[in-house]
Amino acid sequence: MSTLTRQLSGGHEMVRAYSRRVAVPVLGEVAVPPPDKIAYYAGLGVLAALQVIEWPMALVISAGHILADQHLSGLVKGMGEALETA
């Protein structure tokens, strides 16, 4: 398989991974990240809870990952729209 084909099929897999959505009362419909991302965020939360890293650093790292994935998940767009209507 060529590198280009591998990259294109990887994009389809990411779109399918973010196809699950949950209705949240205040935010509306929110995309659920794949299980590996949820585990990553939970790990950051555990590190912050155990004070291995400071909680603001955990928030900054999490926000950076969410922003990096925003073009696929639409999560940040949904949050922005919810904040505009609030």
PDB file of N, CA and C in Angstrom:
ATOM      1  N   MET A   1       0.851  -1.175   0.000  1.00  0.00           N
ATOM      2  CA  MET A   1       0.000   0.000   0.000  1.00  0.00           C
ATOM      3  C   MET A   1       0.896   1.237   0.000  1.00  0.00           C
ATOM      4  N   SER A   2       0.592   2.173  -0.840  1.00  0.00           N
ATOM      5  CA  SER A   2       1.409   3.383  -0.925  1.00  0.00           C
ATOM      6  C   SER A   2       1.163   4.295   0.276  1.00  0.00           C
ATOM      7  N   THR A   3       2.075   5.223   0.491  1.00  0.00           N
ATOM      8  CA  THR A   3       1.953   6.153   1.603  1.00  0.00           C
ATOM      9  C   THR A   3       0.706   7.015   1.459  1.00  0.00           C
ATOM     10  N   LEU A   4       0.419   7.465   0.238  1.00  0.00           N
ATOM     11  CA  LEU A   4      -0.761   8.293   0.004  1.00  0.00           C
ATOM     12  C   LEU A   4      -2.035   7.525   0.319  1.00  0.00           C
ATOM     13  N   THR A   5      -2.119   6.293  -0.126  1.00  0.00           N
ATOM     14  CA  THR A   5      -3.304   5.480   0.145  1.00  0.00           C
ATOM     15  C   THR A   5      -3.462   5.241   1.639  1.00  0.00           C
ATOM     16  N   ARG A   6      -2.363   5.004   2.320  1.00  0.00           N
ATOM     17  CA  ARG A   6      -2.405   4.782   3.764  1.00  0.00           C
ATOM     18  C   ARG A   6      -2.907   6.033   4.477  1.00  0.00           C
ATOM     19  N   GLN A   7      -2.460   7.217   4.042  1.00  0.00           N
ATOM     20  CA  GLN A   7      -2.898   8.456   4.674  1.00  0.00           C
ATOM     21  C   GLN A   7      -4.372   8.722   4.397  1.00  0.00           C
ATOM     22  N   LEU A   8      -4.826   8.465   3.199  1.00  0.00           N
ATOM     23  CA  LEU A   8      -6.231   8.688   2.876  1.00  0.00           C
ATOM     24  C   LEU A   8      -7.134   7.744   3.650  1.00  0.00           C
ATOM     25  N   SER A   9      -6.749   6.487   3.779  1.00  0.00           N
ATOM     26  CA  SER A   9      -7.580   5.551   4.532  1.00  0.00           C
ATOM     27  C   SER A   9      -7.550   5.890   6.016  1.00  0.00           C
ATOM     28  N   GLY A  10      -6.453   6.449   6.501  1.00  0.00           N
ATOM     29  CA  GLY A  10      -6.376   6.874   7.892  1.00  0.00           C
ATOM     30  C   GLY A  10      -7.350   7.995   8.188  1.00  0.00           C
ATOM     31  N   GLY A  11      -7.559   8.895   7.240  1.00  0.00           N
ATOM     32  CA  GLY A  11      -8.526   9.974   7.422  1.00  0.00           C
ATOM     33  C   GLY A  11      -9.941   9.439   7.544  1.00  0.00           C
ATOM     34  N   HIS A  12     -10.279   8.441   6.731  1.00  0.00           N
ATOM     35  CA  HIS A  12     -11.605   7.825   6.823  1.00  0.00           C
ATOM     36  C   HIS A  12     -11.806   7.163   8.173  1.00  0.00           C
ATOM     37  N   GLU A  13     -10.768   6.517   8.688  1.00  0.00           N
ATOM     38  CA  GLU A  13     -10.883   5.861   9.989  1.00  0.00           C
ATOM     39  C   GLU A  13     -11.113   6.886  11.095  1.00  0.00           C
ATOM     40  N   MET A  14     -10.461   8.038  11.019  1.00  0.00           N
ATOM     41  CA  MET A  14     -10.658   9.070  12.031  1.00  0.00           C
ATOM     42  C   MET A  14     -12.074   9.632  11.974  1.00  0.00           C
ATOM     43  N   VAL A  15     -12.606   9.815  10.778  1.00  0.00           N
ATOM     44  CA  VAL A  15     -13.971  10.320  10.652  1.00  0.00           C
ATOM     45  C   VAL A  15     -14.946   9.318  11.252  1.00  0.00           C
ATOM     46  N   ARG A  16     -14.729   8.022  10.974  1.00  0.00           N
ATOM     47  CA  ARG A  16     -15.599   6.994  11.547  1.00  0.00           C
ATOM     48  C   ARG A  16     -15.461   6.943  13.067  1.00  0.00           C
ATOM     49  N   ALA A  17     -14.267   7.190  13.604  1.00  0.00           N
ATOM     50  CA  ALA A  17     -14.046   7.131  15.046  1.00  0.00           C
ATOM     51  C   ALA A  17     -14.829   8.225  15.764  1.00  0.00           C
ATOM     52  N   TYR A  18     -15.018   9.361  15.127  1.00  0.00           N
ATOM     53  CA  TYR A  18     -15.749  10.466  15.744  1.00  0.00           C
ATOM     54  C   TYR A  18     -17.213  10.514  15.319  1.00  0.00           C
ATOM     55  N   SER A  19     -17.737   9.442  14.762  1.00  0.00           N
ATOM     56  CA  SER A  19     -19.120   9.464  14.305  1.00  0.00           C
ATOM     57  C   SER A  19     -20.104   9.236  15.442  1.00  0.00           C
ATOM     58  N   ARG A  20     -19.631   8.769  16.608  1.00  0.00           N
ATOM     59  CA  ARG A  20     -20.525   8.597  17.750  1.00  0.00           C
ATOM     60  C   ARG A  20     -20.777   9.939  18.401  1.00  0.00           C
ATOM     61  N   ARG A  21     -22.037  10.221  18.686  1.00  0.00           N
ATOM     62  CA  ARG A  21     -22.397  11.505  19.288  1.00  0.00           C
ATOM     63  C   ARG A  21     -23.325  11.277  20.463  1.00  0.00           C
ATOM     64  N   VAL A  22     -23.246  12.189  21.445  1.00  0.00           N
ATOM     65  CA  VAL A  22     -24.064  12.116  22.644  1.00  0.00           C
ATOM     66  C   VAL A  22     -24.761  13.463  22.805  1.00  0.00           C
ATOM     67  N   ALA A  23     -26.032  13.434  23.170  1.00  0.00           N
ATOM     68  CA  ALA A  23     -26.780  14.673  23.410  1.00  0.00           C
ATOM     69  C   ALA A  23     -26.526  15.131  24.847  1.00  0.00           C
ATOM     70  N   VAL A  24     -25.921  16.305  25.002  1.00  0.00           N
ATOM     71  CA  VAL A  24     -25.652  16.897  26.305  1.00  0.00           C
ATOM     72  C   VAL A  24     -26.625  18.065  26.461  1.00  0.00           C
ATOM     73  N   PRO A  25     -27.349  18.153  27.607  1.00  0.00           N
ATOM     74  CA  PRO A  25     -28.398  19.165  27.757  1.00  0.00           C
ATOM     75  C   PRO A  25     -27.960  20.596  27.451  1.00  0.00           C
ATOM     76  N   VAL A  26     -26.856  21.069  27.969  1.00  0.00           N
ATOM     77  CA  VAL A  26     -26.461  22.461  27.779  1.00  0.00           C
ATOM     78  C   VAL A  26     -25.727  22.668  26.458  1.00  0.00           C
ATOM     79  N   LEU A  27     -24.901  21.698  26.073  1.00  0.00           N
ATOM     80  CA  LEU A  27     -24.060  21.854  24.889  1.00  0.00           C
ATOM     81  C   LEU A  27     -24.711  21.378  23.603  1.00  0.00           C
ATOM     82  N   GLY A  28     -25.733  20.552  23.695  1.00  0.00           N
ATOM     83  CA  GLY A  28     -26.349  19.989  22.496  1.00  0.00           C
ATOM     84  C   GLY A  28     -25.698  18.663  22.149  1.00  0.00           C
ATOM     85  N   GLU A  29     -25.541  18.384  20.858  1.00  0.00           N
ATOM     86  CA  GLU A  29     -24.957  17.124  20.417  1.00  0.00           C
ATOM     87  C   GLU A  29     -23.436  17.259  20.359  1.00  0.00           C
ATOM     88  N   VAL A  30     -22.738  16.355  21.063  1.00  0.00           N
ATOM     89  CA  VAL A  30     -21.282  16.413  21.186  1.00  0.00           C
ATOM     90  C   VAL A  30     -20.687  15.106  20.671  1.00  0.00           C
ATOM     91  N   ALA A  31     -19.621  15.194  19.898  1.00  0.00           N
ATOM     92  CA  ALA A  31     -18.937  14.006  19.397  1.00  0.00           C
ATOM     93  C   ALA A  31     -18.153  13.351  20.523  1.00  0.00           C
ATOM     94  N   VAL A  32     -18.222  12.028  20.594  1.00  0.00           N
ATOM     95  CA  VAL A  32     -17.491  11.270  21.608  1.00  0.00           C
ATOM     96  C   VAL A  32     -16.156  10.830  21.018  1.00  0.00           C
ATOM     97  N   PRO A  33     -15.065  11.154  21.689  1.00  0.00           N
ATOM     98  CA  PRO A  33     -13.766  10.742  21.164  1.00  0.00           C
ATOM     99  C   PRO A  33     -13.591   9.225  21.231  1.00  0.00           C
ATOM    100  N   PRO A  34     -12.669   8.687  20.454  1.00  0.00           N
ATOM    101  CA  PRO A  34     -12.410   7.252  20.511  1.00  0.00           C
ATOM    102  C   PRO A  34     -11.863   6.852  21.883  1.00  0.00           C
ATOM    103  N   PRO A  35     -11.954   5.567  22.221  1.00  0.00           N
ATOM    104  CA  PRO A  35     -11.532   5.108  23.554  1.00  0.00           C
ATOM    105  C   PRO A  35     -10.083   5.446  23.907  1.00  0.00           C
ATOM    106  N   ASP A  36      -9.182   5.455  22.934  1.00  0.00           N
ATOM    107  CA  ASP A  36      -7.792   5.780  23.270  1.00  0.00           C
ATOM    108  C   ASP A  36      -7.642   7.236  23.702  1.00  0.00           C
ATOM    109  N   LYS A  37      -8.412   8.130  23.116  1.00  0.00           N
ATOM    110  CA  LYS A  37      -8.363   9.544  23.533  1.00  0.00           C
ATOM    111  C   LYS A  37      -8.969   9.708  24.928  1.00  0.00           C
ATOM    112  N   ILE A  38     -10.067   8.984  25.206  1.00  0.00           N
ATOM    113  CA  ILE A  38     -10.690   9.056  26.528  1.00  0.00           C
ATOM    114  C   ILE A  38      -9.702   8.568  27.586  1.00  0.00           C
ATOM    115  N   ALA A  39      -8.978   7.502  27.282  1.00  0.00           N
ATOM    116  CA  ALA A  39      -7.973   6.987  28.215  1.00  0.00           C
ATOM    117  C   ALA A  39      -6.866   8.014  28.435  1.00  0.00           C
ATOM    118  N   TYR A  40      -6.478   8.721  27.387  1.00  0.00           N
ATOM    119  CA  TYR A  40      -5.443   9.750  27.493  1.00  0.00           C
ATOM    120  C   TYR A  40      -5.903  10.874  28.423  1.00  0.00           C
ATOM    121  N   TYR A  41      -7.126  11.359  28.220  1.00  0.00           N
ATOM    122  CA  TYR A  41      -7.646  12.437  29.059  1.00  0.00           C
ATOM    123  C   TYR A  41      -7.818  11.965  30.504  1.00  0.00           C
ATOM    124  N   ALA A  42      -8.248  10.714  30.691  1.00  0.00           N
ATOM    125  CA  ALA A  42      -8.385  10.171  32.044  1.00  0.00           C
ATOM    126  C   ALA A  42      -7.022  10.079  32.715  1.00  0.00           C
ATOM    127  N   GLY A  43      -5.998   9.696  31.953  1.00  0.00           N
ATOM    128  CA  GLY A  43      -4.647   9.641  32.503  1.00  0.00           C
ATOM    129  C   GLY A  43      -4.158  11.008  32.944  1.00  0.00           C
ATOM    130  N   LEU A  44      -4.446  12.028  32.142  1.00  0.00           N
ATOM    131  CA  LEU A  44      -4.086  13.392  32.544  1.00  0.00           C
ATOM    132  C   LEU A  44      -4.821  13.794  33.822  1.00  0.00           C
ATOM    133  N   GLY A  45      -6.082  13.398  33.912  1.00  0.00           N
ATOM    134  CA  GLY A  45      -6.856  13.698  35.116  1.00  0.00           C
ATOM    135  C   GLY A  45      -6.297  13.013  36.350  1.00  0.00           C
ATOM    136  N   VAL A  46      -5.878  11.770  36.191  1.00  0.00           N
ATOM    137  CA  VAL A  46      -5.281  11.045  37.320  1.00  0.00           C
ATOM    138  C   VAL A  46      -3.963  11.698  37.732  1.00  0.00           C
ATOM    139  N   LEU A  47      -3.135  12.063  36.755  1.00  0.00           N
ATOM    140  CA  LEU A  47      -1.874  12.741  37.078  1.00  0.00           C
ATOM    141  C   LEU A  47      -2.119  14.057  37.804  1.00  0.00           C
ATOM    142  N   ALA A  48      -3.144  14.795  37.395  1.00  0.00           N
ATOM    143  CA  ALA A  48      -3.467  16.057  38.064  1.00  0.00           C
ATOM    144  C   ALA A  48      -4.021  15.800  39.467  1.00  0.00           C
ATOM    145  N   ALA A  49      -4.852  14.760  39.608  1.00  0.00           N
ATOM    146  CA  ALA A  49      -5.421  14.444  40.919  1.00  0.00           C
ATOM    147  C   ALA A  49      -4.344  13.997  41.906  1.00  0.00           C
ATOM    148  N   LEU A  50      -3.338  13.281  41.412  1.00  0.00           N
ATOM    149  CA  LEU A  50      -2.237  12.833  42.268  1.00  0.00           C
ATOM    150  C   LEU A  50      -1.164  13.897  42.431  1.00  0.00           C
ATOM    151  N   GLN A  51      -1.385  15.059  41.843  1.00  0.00           N
ATOM    152  CA  GLN A  51      -0.487  16.213  41.892  1.00  0.00           C
ATOM    153  C   GLN A  51       0.898  15.903  41.327  1.00  0.00           C
ATOM    154  N   VAL A  52       0.936  15.012  40.335  1.00  0.00           N
ATOM    155  CA  VAL A  52       2.172  14.772  39.602  1.00  0.00           C
ATOM    156  C   VAL A  52       2.415  15.942  38.664  1.00  0.00           C
ATOM    157  N   ILE A  53       1.327  16.446  38.049  1.00  0.00           N
ATOM    158  CA  ILE A  53       1.373  17.669  37.256  1.00  0.00           C
ATOM    159  C   ILE A  53       0.325  18.623  37.822  1.00  0.00           C
ATOM    160  N   GLU A  54       0.518  19.888  37.605  1.00  0.00           N
ATOM    161  CA  GLU A  54      -0.449  20.891  38.075  1.00  0.00           C
ATOM    162  C   GLU A  54      -1.716  20.812  37.226  1.00  0.00           C
ATOM    163  N   TRP A  55      -2.885  21.088  37.828  1.00  0.00           N
ATOM    164  CA  TRP A  55      -4.130  20.983  37.079  1.00  0.00           C
ATOM    165  C   TRP A  55      -4.209  21.979  35.927  1.00  0.00           C
ATOM    166  N   PRO A  56      -3.636  23.212  36.035  1.00  0.00           N
ATOM    167  CA  PRO A  56      -3.685  24.080  34.843  1.00  0.00           C
ATOM    168  C   PRO A  56      -2.911  23.487  33.658  1.00  0.00           C
ATOM    169  N   MET A  57      -1.808  22.799  33.951  1.00  0.00           N
ATOM    170  CA  MET A  57      -1.029  22.167  32.880  1.00  0.00           C
ATOM    171  C   MET A  57      -1.840  21.054  32.226  1.00  0.00           C
ATOM    172  N   ALA A  58      -2.564  20.278  33.027  1.00  0.00           N
ATOM    173  CA  ALA A  58      -3.415  19.216  32.477  1.00  0.00           C
ATOM    174  C   ALA A  58      -4.499  19.818  31.577  1.00  0.00           C
ATOM    175  N   LEU A  59      -5.061  20.955  31.983  1.00  0.00           N
ATOM    176  CA  LEU A  59      -6.078  21.618  31.166  1.00  0.00           C
ATOM    177  C   LEU A  59      -5.494  22.130  29.854  1.00  0.00           C
ATOM    178  N   VAL A  60      -4.302  22.699  29.908  1.00  0.00           N
ATOM    179  CA  VAL A  60      -3.659  23.226  28.701  1.00  0.00           C
ATOM    180  C   VAL A  60      -3.335  22.092  27.736  1.00  0.00           C
ATOM    181  N   ILE A  61      -2.812  20.987  28.256  1.00  0.00           N
ATOM    182  CA  ILE A  61      -2.492  19.842  27.402  1.00  0.00           C
ATOM    183  C   ILE A  61      -3.763  19.282  26.768  1.00  0.00           C
ATOM    184  N   SER A  62      -4.817  19.140  27.574  1.00  0.00           N
ATOM    185  CA  SER A  62      -6.092  18.624  27.049  1.00  0.00           C
ATOM    186  C   SER A  62      -6.672  19.561  25.998  1.00  0.00           C
ATOM    187  N   ALA A  63      -6.632  20.853  26.274  1.00  0.00           N
ATOM    188  CA  ALA A  63      -7.158  21.822  25.303  1.00  0.00           C
ATOM    189  C   ALA A  63      -6.373  21.770  24.001  1.00  0.00           C
ATOM    190  N   GLY A  64      -5.077  21.600  24.090  1.00  0.00           N
ATOM    191  CA  GLY A  64      -4.261  21.495  22.885  1.00  0.00           C
ATOM    192  C   GLY A  64      -4.639  20.293  22.040  1.00  0.00           C
ATOM    193  N   HIS A  65      -4.893  19.162  22.685  1.00  0.00           N
ATOM    194  CA  HIS A  65      -5.302  17.974  21.942  1.00  0.00           C
ATOM    195  C   HIS A  65      -6.692  18.144  21.334  1.00  0.00           C
ATOM    196  N   ILE A  66      -7.578  18.761  22.067  1.00  0.00           N
ATOM    197  CA  ILE A  66      -8.931  18.993  21.531  1.00  0.00           C
ATOM    198  C   ILE A  66      -8.869  19.930  20.327  1.00  0.00           C
ATOM    199  N   LEU A  67      -8.088  20.993  20.439  1.00  0.00           N
ATOM    200  CA  LEU A  67      -7.967  21.926  19.315  1.00  0.00           C
ATOM    201  C   LEU A  67      -7.318  21.268  18.106  1.00  0.00           C
ATOM    202  N   ALA A  68      -6.367  20.372  18.348  1.00  0.00           N
ATOM    203  CA  ALA A  68      -5.718  19.681  17.235  1.00  0.00           C
ATOM    204  C   ALA A  68      -6.694  18.757  16.510  1.00  0.00           C
ATOM    205  N   ASP A  69      -7.680  18.246  17.221  1.00  0.00           N
ATOM    206  CA  ASP A  69      -8.648  17.327  16.630  1.00  0.00           C
ATOM    207  C   ASP A  69      -9.946  17.997  16.208  1.00  0.00           C
ATOM    208  N   GLN A  70     -10.048  19.308  16.372  1.00  0.00           N
ATOM    209  CA  GLN A  70     -11.329  19.981  16.141  1.00  0.00           C
ATOM    210  C   GLN A  70     -11.834  19.869  14.703  1.00  0.00           C
ATOM    211  N   HIS A  71     -10.956  19.810  13.736  1.00  0.00           N
ATOM    212  CA  HIS A  71     -11.408  19.749  12.351  1.00  0.00           C
ATOM    213  C   HIS A  71     -12.048  18.409  12.026  1.00  0.00           C
ATOM    214  N   LEU A  72     -11.807  17.385  12.833  1.00  0.00           N
ATOM    215  CA  LEU A  72     -12.437  16.092  12.594  1.00  0.00           C
ATOM    216  C   LEU A  72     -13.663  15.871  13.468  1.00  0.00           C
ATOM    217  N   SER A  73     -13.594  16.319  14.701  1.00  0.00           N
ATOM    218  CA  SER A  73     -14.662  15.970  15.637  1.00  0.00           C
ATOM    219  C   SER A  73     -15.817  16.964  15.667  1.00  0.00           C
ATOM    220  N   GLY A  74     -15.555  18.227  15.427  1.00  0.00           N
ATOM    221  CA  GLY A  74     -16.603  19.235  15.512  1.00  0.00           C
ATOM    222  C   GLY A  74     -16.959  19.577  16.949  1.00  0.00           C
ATOM    223  N   LEU A  75     -16.230  19.037  17.917  1.00  0.00           N
ATOM    224  CA  LEU A  75     -16.524  19.276  19.321  1.00  0.00           C
ATOM    225  C   LEU A  75     -16.409  20.736  19.680  1.00  0.00           C
ATOM    226  N   VAL A  76     -15.335  21.389  19.279  1.00  0.00           N
ATOM    227  CA  VAL A  76     -15.123  22.781  19.630  1.00  0.00           C
ATOM    228  C   VAL A  76     -16.164  23.668  18.953  1.00  0.00           C
ATOM    229  N   LYS A  77     -16.539  23.322  17.723  1.00  0.00           N
ATOM    230  CA  LYS A  77     -17.570  24.089  17.028  1.00  0.00           C
ATOM    231  C   LYS A  77     -18.895  24.005  17.777  1.00  0.00           C
ATOM    232  N   GLY A  78     -19.252  22.822  18.233  1.00  0.00           N
ATOM    233  CA  GLY A  78     -20.493  22.649  18.990  1.00  0.00           C
ATOM    234  C   GLY A  78     -20.467  23.407  20.305  1.00  0.00           C
ATOM    235  N   MET A  79     -19.318  23.414  20.974  1.00  0.00           N
ATOM    236  CA  MET A  79     -19.195  24.155  22.239  1.00  0.00           C
ATOM    237  C   MET A  79     -19.312  25.651  21.981  1.00  0.00           C
ATOM    238  N   GLY A  80     -18.697  26.122  20.892  1.00  0.00           N
ATOM    239  CA  GLY A  80     -18.777  27.545  20.554  1.00  0.00           C
ATOM    240  C   GLY A  80     -20.197  27.978  20.261  1.00  0.00           C
ATOM    241  N   GLU A  81     -20.924  27.160  19.510  1.00  0.00           N
ATOM    242  CA  GLU A  81     -22.320  27.476  19.219  1.00  0.00           C
ATOM    243  C   GLU A  81     -23.170  27.476  20.480  1.00  0.00           C
ATOM    244  N   ALA A  82     -22.889  26.528  21.395  1.00  0.00           N
ATOM    245  CA  ALA A  82     -23.640  26.473  22.642  1.00  0.00           C
ATOM    246  C   ALA A  82     -23.357  27.706  23.500  1.00  0.00           C
ATOM    247  N   LEU A  83     -22.102  28.152  23.511  1.00  0.00           N
ATOM    248  CA  LEU A  83     -21.759  29.346  24.283  1.00  0.00           C
ATOM    249  C   LEU A  83     -22.382  30.604  23.683  1.00  0.00           C
ATOM    250  N   GLU A  84     -22.509  30.649  22.357  1.00  0.00           N
ATOM    251  CA  GLU A  84     -23.131  31.801  21.720  1.00  0.00           C
ATOM    252  C   GLU A  84     -24.599  31.913  22.092  1.00  0.00           C
ATOM    253  N   THR A  85     -25.283  30.774  22.182  1.00  0.00           N
ATOM    254  CA  THR A  85     -26.712  30.799  22.495  1.00  0.00           C
ATOM    255  C   THR A  85     -26.978  30.989  23.986  1.00  0.00           C
ATOM    256  N   ALA A  86     -25.973  30.749  24.824  1.00  0.00           N
ATOM    257  CA  ALA A  86     -26.163  30.856  26.294  1.00  0.00           C
ATOM    258  C   ALA A  86     -26.171  32.289  26.750  1.00  0.00           C
TER     259      ALA A  86
END
